[in-house]
C-alpha atoms as a PDB file:
ATOM      1  CA  UNK A   1      23.237   7.866  11.928  1.00  0.00           C
ATOM      2  CA  UNK A   2      25.281   7.322   8.834  1.00  0.00           C
ATOM      3  CA  UNK A   3      25.339   9.046   5.513  1.00  0.00           C
ATOM      4  CA  UNK A   4      26.073   7.633   2.403  1.00  0.00           C
ATOM      5  CA  UNK A   5      26.852   9.662  -0.892  1.00  0.00           C
ATOM      6  CA  UNK A   6      26.777   7.104  -3.863  1.00  0.00           C
ATOM      7  CA  UNK A   7      28.516   9.806  -6.159  1.00  0.00           C
ATOM      8  CA  UNK A   8      31.359   9.746  -3.549  1.00  0.00           C
ATOM      9  CA  UNK A   9      31.373   6.147  -2.800  1.00  0.00           C
ATOM     10  CA  UNK A  10      29.947   4.414  -5.987  1.00  0.00           C
ATOM     11  CA  UNK A  11      26.691   2.812  -6.214  1.00  0.00           C
ATOM     12  CA  UNK A  12      27.582  -0.905  -5.226  1.00  0.00           C
ATOM     13  CA  UNK A  13      29.114   0.141  -2.018  1.00  0.00           C
ATOM     14  CA  UNK A  14      25.827   2.273  -1.089  1.00  0.00           C
ATOM     15  CA  UNK A  15      23.687  -0.686  -2.194  1.00  0.00           C
ATOM     16  CA  UNK A  16      25.726  -2.732  -0.125  1.00  0.00           C
ATOM     17  CA  UNK A  17      25.585  -0.704   3.122  1.00  0.00           C
ATOM     18  CA  UNK A  18      21.772  -0.146   2.615  1.00  0.00           C
ATOM     19  CA  UNK A  19      21.339  -3.962   2.318  1.00  0.00           C
ATOM     20  CA  UNK A  20      23.105  -4.572   5.240  1.00  0.00           C
ATOM     21  CA  UNK A  21      21.323  -2.290   7.635  1.00  0.00           C
ATOM     22  CA  UNK A  22      17.772  -3.433   6.493  1.00  0.00           C
ATOM     23  CA  UNK A  23      18.548  -6.987   6.885  1.00  0.00           C
ATOM     24  CA  UNK A  24      19.822  -6.287  10.310  1.00  0.00           C
ATOM     25  CA  UNK A  25      16.509  -4.544  10.978  1.00  0.00           C
ATOM     26  CA  UNK A  26      17.418  -0.728  10.426  1.00  0.00           C
ATOM     27  CA  UNK A  27      15.603   1.953   9.057  1.00  0.00           C
ATOM     28  CA  UNK A  28      17.054   3.478   5.574  1.00  0.00           C
ATOM     29  CA  UNK A  29      15.985   6.787   4.019  1.00  0.00           C
ATOM     30  CA  UNK A  30      16.704   6.344   0.203  1.00  0.00           C
ATOM     31  CA  UNK A  31      15.737   8.308  -2.757  1.00  0.00           C
ATOM     32  CA  UNK A  32      13.107   7.367  -5.022  1.00  0.00           C
ATOM     33  CA  UNK A  33      12.037   8.724  -8.444  1.00  0.00           C
ATOM     34  CA  UNK A  34      10.062  11.267  -6.728  1.00  0.00           C
ATOM     35  CA  UNK A  35      11.007  11.867  -3.072  1.00  0.00           C
ATOM     36  CA  UNK A  36      12.966  10.317  -0.209  1.00  0.00           C
ATOM     37  CA  UNK A  37      11.302   7.269   1.177  1.00  0.00           C
ATOM     38  CA  UNK A  38      11.812   5.160   4.289  1.00  0.00           C
ATOM     39  CA  UNK A  39      12.567   1.597   3.727  1.00  0.00           C
ATOM     40  CA  UNK A  40      12.517  -1.393   6.469  1.00  0.00           C
ATOM     41  CA  UNK A  41      12.227  -5.073   6.021  1.00  0.00           C
ATOM     42  CA  UNK A  42       8.656  -5.943   5.111  1.00  0.00           C
ATOM     43  CA  UNK A  43       8.166  -8.876   7.789  1.00  0.00           C
ATOM     44  CA  UNK A  44      10.657  -7.425  10.442  1.00  0.00           C
ATOM     45  CA  UNK A  45       7.965  -6.411  13.175  1.00  0.00           C
ATOM     46  CA  UNK A  46      10.148  -4.136  15.225  1.00  0.00           C
ATOM     47  CA  UNK A  47      11.307  -2.177  12.574  1.00  0.00           C
ATOM     48  CA  UNK A  48       7.853  -1.907  11.283  1.00  0.00           C
ATOM     49  CA  UNK A  49       7.015  -0.447  14.964  1.00  0.00           C
ATOM     50  CA  UNK A  50      10.096   1.761  15.021  1.00  0.00           C
ATOM     51  CA  UNK A  51       9.144   3.099  11.668  1.00  0.00           C
ATOM     52  CA  UNK A  52       5.461   4.037  12.606  1.00  0.00           C
ATOM     53  CA  UNK A  53       7.003   5.462  15.906  1.00  0.00           C
ATOM     54  CA  UNK A  54       9.586   7.936  14.322  1.00  0.00           C
ATOM     55  CA  UNK A  55       6.808   8.985  11.624  1.00  0.00           C
ATOM     56  CA  UNK A  56       4.186   9.745  14.360  1.00  0.00           C
ATOM     57  CA  UNK A  57       1.856   7.525  11.797  1.00  0.00           C
ATOM     58  CA  UNK A  58      -1.538   6.517  12.691  1.00  0.00           C
ATOM     59  CA  UNK A  59      -1.569   2.891  13.237  1.00  0.00           C
ATOM     60  CA  UNK A  60      -4.517   2.641  10.891  1.00  0.00           C
ATOM     61  CA  UNK A  61      -2.838   3.686   8.130  1.00  0.00           C
ATOM     62  CA  UNK A  62      -1.150   0.990   5.994  1.00  0.00           C
ATOM     63  CA  UNK A  63       2.718   1.218   4.703  1.00  0.00           C
ATOM     64  CA  UNK A  64       3.108   0.990   1.072  1.00  0.00           C
ATOM     65  CA  UNK A  65       5.827  -1.330  -0.273  1.00  0.00           C
ATOM     66  CA  UNK A  66       8.146  -1.629  -3.212  1.00  0.00           C
ATOM     67  CA  UNK A  67       9.562  -4.722  -4.697  1.00  0.00           C
ATOM     68  CA  UNK A  68      12.429  -5.145  -7.342  1.00  0.00           C
ATOM     69  CA  UNK A  69      11.072  -8.200  -9.210  1.00  0.00           C
ATOM     70  CA  UNK A  70       7.340  -9.504  -9.973  1.00  0.00           C
ATOM     71  CA  UNK A  71       8.021 -12.969  -8.461  1.00  0.00           C
ATOM     72  CA  UNK A  72       8.408 -11.242  -4.909  1.00  0.00           C
ATOM     73  CA  UNK A  73       4.754 -10.620  -5.192  1.00  0.00           C
ATOM     74  CA  UNK A  74       4.454 -14.269  -3.887  1.00  0.00           C
ATOM     75  CA  UNK A  75       5.783 -13.051  -0.641  1.00  0.00           C
ATOM     76  CA  UNK A  76       3.208 -10.796   0.123  1.00  0.00           C
ATOM     77  CA  UNK A  77      -0.011 -11.171  -1.997  1.00  0.00           C
ATOM     78  CA  UNK A  78      -2.518 -14.086  -2.084  1.00  0.00           C
ATOM     79  CA  UNK A  79      -3.690 -13.454  -5.462  1.00  0.00           C
ATOM     80  CA  UNK A  80      -3.248 -11.369  -8.601  1.00  0.00           C
ATOM     81  CA  UNK A  81      -6.378 -10.424 -10.716  1.00  0.00           C
ATOM     82  CA  UNK A  82      -6.530 -10.194 -14.278  1.00  0.00           C
ATOM     83  CA  UNK A  83      -6.500  -6.432 -14.100  1.00  0.00           C
ATOM     84  CA  UNK A  84      -3.830  -6.043 -11.855  1.00  0.00           C
ATOM     85  CA  UNK A  85      -1.630  -8.246 -14.076  1.00  0.00           C
ATOM     86  CA  UNK A  86      -2.453  -6.044 -17.083  1.00  0.00           C
ATOM     87  CA  UNK A  87      -1.597  -3.169 -15.335  1.00  0.00           C
ATOM     88  CA  UNK A  88       1.773  -4.319 -13.432  1.00  0.00           C
ATOM     89  CA  UNK A  89       2.579  -5.585 -17.109  1.00  0.00           C
ATOM     90  CA  UNK A  90       1.856  -1.859 -18.486  1.00  0.00           C
ATOM     91  CA  UNK A  91       3.144   0.433 -15.682  1.00  0.00           C
ATOM     92  CA  UNK A  92       5.991  -1.414 -13.794  1.00  0.00           C
ATOM     93  CA  UNK A  93       8.646  -0.290 -13.259  1.00  0.00           C
ATOM     94  CA  UNK A  94       6.697   3.204 -12.546  1.00  0.00           C
ATOM     95  CA  UNK A  95       4.581   5.427 -10.518  1.00  0.00           C
ATOM     96  CA  UNK A  96       1.502   2.893 -10.311  1.00  0.00           C
ATOM     97  CA  UNK A  97       0.905   1.299  -6.681  1.00  0.00           C
ATOM     98  CA  UNK A  98      -1.607  -1.305  -6.850  1.00  0.00           C
ATOM     99  CA  UNK A  99      -3.788  -2.687  -3.882  1.00  0.00           C
ATOM    100  CA  UNK A 100      -3.683  -6.613  -3.782  1.00  0.00           C
ATOM    101  CA  UNK A 101      -5.098  -8.978  -1.611  1.00  0.00           C
ATOM    102  CA  UNK A 102      -2.458  -9.669   1.213  1.00  0.00           C
ATOM    103  CA  UNK A 103      -1.188 -13.366   2.319  1.00  0.00           C
ATOM    104  CA  UNK A 104      -2.670 -14.107   5.611  1.00  0.00           C
ATOM    105  CA  UNK A 105       0.650 -13.918   7.342  1.00  0.00           C
ATOM    106  CA  UNK A 106       1.283 -10.360   6.462  1.00  0.00           C
ATOM    107  CA  UNK A 107       1.553  -8.178   9.340  1.00  0.00           C
ATOM    108  CA  UNK A 108      -0.916  -5.385  10.118  1.00  0.00           C
ATOM    109  CA  UNK A 109       1.526  -2.962  10.402  1.00  0.00           C
ATOM    110  CA  UNK A 110       1.472  -3.512   6.386  1.00  0.00           C
ATOM    111  CA  UNK A 111      -2.146  -3.908   5.740  1.00  0.00           C
ATOM    112  CA  UNK A 112      -3.561  -1.825   8.634  1.00  0.00           C
ATOM    113  CA  UNK A 113      -6.044  -4.900   8.983  1.00  0.00           C
ATOM    114  CA  UNK A 114      -7.539  -4.181   5.462  1.00  0.00           C
ATOM    115  CA  UNK A 115      -6.521  -7.488   4.284  1.00  0.00           C
ATOM    116  CA  UNK A 116      -4.617  -5.619   1.289  1.00  0.00           C
ATOM    117  CA  UNK A 117      -1.211  -4.742   0.362  1.00  0.00           C
ATOM    118  CA  UNK A 118      -0.290  -1.728  -1.465  1.00  0.00           C
ATOM    119  CA  UNK A 119       2.849  -2.374  -3.844  1.00  0.00           C
ATOM    120  CA  UNK A 120       4.984  -1.244  -6.881  1.00  0.00           C
ATOM    121  CA  UNK A 121       8.085  -1.928  -8.995  1.00  0.00           C
ATOM    122  CA  UNK A 122       9.790   1.890  -8.688  1.00  0.00           C
ATOM    123  CA  UNK A 123      10.612   3.346 -11.523  1.00  0.00           C
ATOM    124  CA  UNK A 124      14.505   4.093 -12.314  1.00  0.00           C
ATOM    125  CA  UNK A 125      16.138   5.438  -8.838  1.00  0.00           C
ATOM    126  CA  UNK A 126      18.214   4.192  -6.243  1.00  0.00           C
ATOM    127  CA  UNK A 127      15.000   2.644  -4.872  1.00  0.00           C
ATOM    128  CA  UNK A 128      14.705   0.538  -7.749  1.00  0.00           C
ATOM    129  CA  UNK A 129      18.515  -0.787  -7.465  1.00  0.00           C
ATOM    130  CA  UNK A 130      17.860  -1.124  -3.705  1.00  0.00           C
ATOM    131  CA  UNK A 131      15.034  -3.430  -4.090  1.00  0.00           C
ATOM    132  CA  UNK A 132      16.325  -5.389  -6.874  1.00  0.00           C
ATOM    133  CA  UNK A 133      19.546  -6.101  -4.693  1.00  0.00           C
ATOM    134  CA  UNK A 134      17.839  -7.124  -1.955  1.00  0.00           C
ATOM    135  CA  UNK A 135      15.244  -9.645  -3.135  1.00  0.00           C
ATOM    136  CA  UNK A 136      12.428  -8.735  -0.920  1.00  0.00           C
ATOM    137  CA  UNK A 137       9.900  -6.039  -0.146  1.00  0.00           C
ATOM    138  CA  UNK A 138      10.665  -3.343   1.650  1.00  0.00           C
ATOM    139  CA  UNK A 139       8.541  -0.130   2.667  1.00  0.00           C
ATOM    140  CA  UNK A 140       8.285   2.836   0.802  1.00  0.00           C
ATOM    141  CA  UNK A 141       6.725   5.381   2.927  1.00  0.00           C
ATOM    142  CA  UNK A 142       7.690   8.947   2.251  1.00  0.00           C
ATOM    143  CA  UNK A 143      10.284  10.351   4.333  1.00  0.00           C
ATOM    144  CA  UNK A 144       8.315  12.834   6.490  1.00  0.00           C
ATOM    145  CA  UNK A 145       6.454  13.339   9.580  1.00  0.00           C
ATOM    146  CA  UNK A 146       2.838  12.234   8.990  1.00  0.00           C
ATOM    147  CA  UNK A 147       1.117  15.368   7.668  1.00  0.00           C
ATOM    148  CA  UNK A 148       4.166  17.249   6.650  1.00  0.00           C
ATOM    149  CA  UNK A 149       5.724  17.452   3.104  1.00  0.00           C
ATOM    150  CA  UNK A 150       7.850  14.716   1.713  1.00  0.00           C
ATOM    151  CA  UNK A 151      11.559  15.162   1.824  1.00  0.00           C
ATOM    152  CA  UNK A 152      13.492  15.719  -1.739  1.00  0.00           C
ATOM    153  CA  UNK A 153      16.570  16.359   0.025  1.00  0.00           C
ATOM    154  CA  UNK A 154      18.721  14.621   2.333  1.00  0.00           C
ATOM    155  CA  UNK A 155      18.918  17.733   4.692  1.00  0.00           C
ATOM    156  CA  UNK A 156      15.149  17.691   4.802  1.00  0.00           C
ATOM    157  CA  UNK A 157      15.274  13.932   6.053  1.00  0.00           C
ATOM    158  CA  UNK A 158      17.818  15.076   8.505  1.00  0.00           C
ATOM    159  CA  UNK A 159      15.299  17.817   9.866  1.00  0.00           C
ATOM    160  CA  UNK A 160      12.537  15.283  10.190  1.00  0.00           C
ATOM    161  CA  UNK A 161      14.328  12.774  11.991  1.00  0.00           C
ATOM    162  CA  UNK A 162      18.017  13.598  13.233  1.00  0.00           C
ATOM    163  CA  UNK A 163      19.443  10.498  14.526  1.00  0.00           C
ATOM    164  CA  UNK A 164      16.579   8.287  14.408  1.00  0.00           C
ATOM    165  CA  UNK A 165      17.163   6.703  11.414  1.00  0.00           C
ATOM    166  CA  UNK A 166      20.395   4.225  10.833  1.00  0.00           C
ATOM    167  CA  UNK A 167      20.978   5.491   7.254  1.00  0.00           C
ATOM    168  CA  UNK A 168      20.558   8.324   4.991  1.00  0.00           C
ATOM    169  CA  UNK A 169      21.555   7.327   0.954  1.00  0.00           C
ATOM    170  CA  UNK A 170      22.188  10.996  -0.132  1.00  0.00           C
ATOM    171  CA  UNK A 171      21.593  11.398  -4.013  1.00  0.00           C
ATOM    172  CA  UNK A 172      21.015  15.057  -3.661  1.00  0.00           C
ATOM    173  CA  UNK A 173      17.693  16.418  -4.695  1.00  0.00           C
ATOM    174  CA  UNK A 174      14.952  14.127  -5.998  1.00  0.00           C
ATOM    175  CA  UNK A 175      12.824  15.214  -8.986  1.00  0.00           C
ATOM    176  CA  UNK A 176       9.435  15.835  -6.776  1.00  0.00           C
ATOM    177  CA  UNK A 177       6.472  15.849  -8.929  1.00  0.00           C
ATOM    178  CA  UNK A 178       3.599  13.649  -8.714  1.00  0.00           C
ATOM    179  CA  UNK A 179       3.125  10.796  -6.224  1.00  0.00           C
ATOM    180  CA  UNK A 180       2.151   7.176  -7.684  1.00  0.00           C
ATOM    181  CA  UNK A 181      -1.326   6.789  -8.680  1.00  0.00           C
ATOM    182  CA  UNK A 182      -3.050   4.105  -6.394  1.00  0.00           C
ATOM    183  CA  UNK A 183      -5.507   1.758  -7.766  1.00  0.00           C
ATOM    184  CA  UNK A 184      -7.220  -0.707  -5.780  1.00  0.00           C
ATOM    185  CA  UNK A 185      -6.909  -4.049  -8.076  1.00  0.00           C
ATOM    186  CA  UNK A 186      -7.841  -6.680  -5.375  1.00  0.00           C
ATOM    187  CA  UNK A 187     -11.009  -7.228  -7.303  1.00  0.00           C
ATOM    188  CA  UNK A 188     -11.551  -7.489 -11.016  1.00  0.00           C
ATOM    189  CA  UNK A 189     -13.397  -4.220 -10.866  1.00  0.00           C
ATOM    190  CA  UNK A 190     -10.895  -1.498 -10.317  1.00  0.00           C
ATOM    191  CA  UNK A 191     -10.973   1.422  -8.042  1.00  0.00           C
ATOM    192  CA  UNK A 192      -9.104   4.649  -7.945  1.00  0.00           C
ATOM    193  CA  UNK A 193      -7.753   5.697  -4.493  1.00  0.00           C
ATOM    194  CA  UNK A 194      -4.984   8.767  -5.599  1.00  0.00           C
ATOM    195  CA  UNK A 195      -4.639  10.391  -8.647  1.00  0.00           C
ATOM    196  CA  UNK A 196      -0.826  10.765  -9.677  1.00  0.00           C
ATOM    197  CA  UNK A 197       1.699  10.380 -12.143  1.00  0.00           C
ATOM    198  CA  UNK A 198      -0.247   7.854 -13.939  1.00  0.00           C
ATOM    199  CA  UNK A 199      -3.527   9.122 -15.513  1.00  0.00           C
ATOM    200  CA  UNK A 200      -6.952   7.628 -14.930  1.00  0.00           C
ATOM    201  CA  UNK A 201      -7.279   7.722 -18.853  1.00  0.00           C
ATOM    202  CA  UNK A 202      -4.015   5.335 -19.320  1.00  0.00           C
ATOM    203  CA  UNK A 203      -4.890   2.983 -16.529  1.00  0.00           C
ATOM    204  CA  UNK A 204      -8.315   2.425 -18.404  1.00  0.00           C
ATOM    205  CA  UNK A 205      -6.565   2.201 -21.805  1.00  0.00           C
ATOM    206  CA  UNK A 206      -4.193  -0.468 -20.571  1.00  0.00           C
ATOM    207  CA  UNK A 207      -7.214  -2.782 -19.303  1.00  0.00           C
END
């Protein structure tokens, strides 16, 4: 396992190293605008299986994704409702995760056989810079063993996973706070699945 600190190497070098590892099928821990997340390429089956294994994650739990630009939705989503378009325009980049109909070729490791993908463009963070540098979706599941508190420092990530990861991007302690709000926007009538940083009132106002 390698640890890289953008404060020492520069953001460009950290992004380059993380990108190379993800493209080669590795698992990278990176800071988001809340906690640390674990990233692998969205269509790399071996990497997705490894991710489930090291997290001891149940196979019936889907993996959330992040993207850097809205056009990347074409890689994973089969449709975008009017409601989803309005919410994405209002809250992306930011802490709102949308459930959308998945393309038929998306792995069950991403959808958990629901036929849906969970995706967002993250707010200002290394996660956003990484997603934009890659140009394709990556996973954004929290850097923890399933059922344990999410990690907000690189030290916590190491305690959970040791050498099981290929790279940790150490940007110090993350802000923590509320997780992203999750809204099922796969149909025109939306459903709230998790309360979070974006309030229900703000969502309805946007619609």
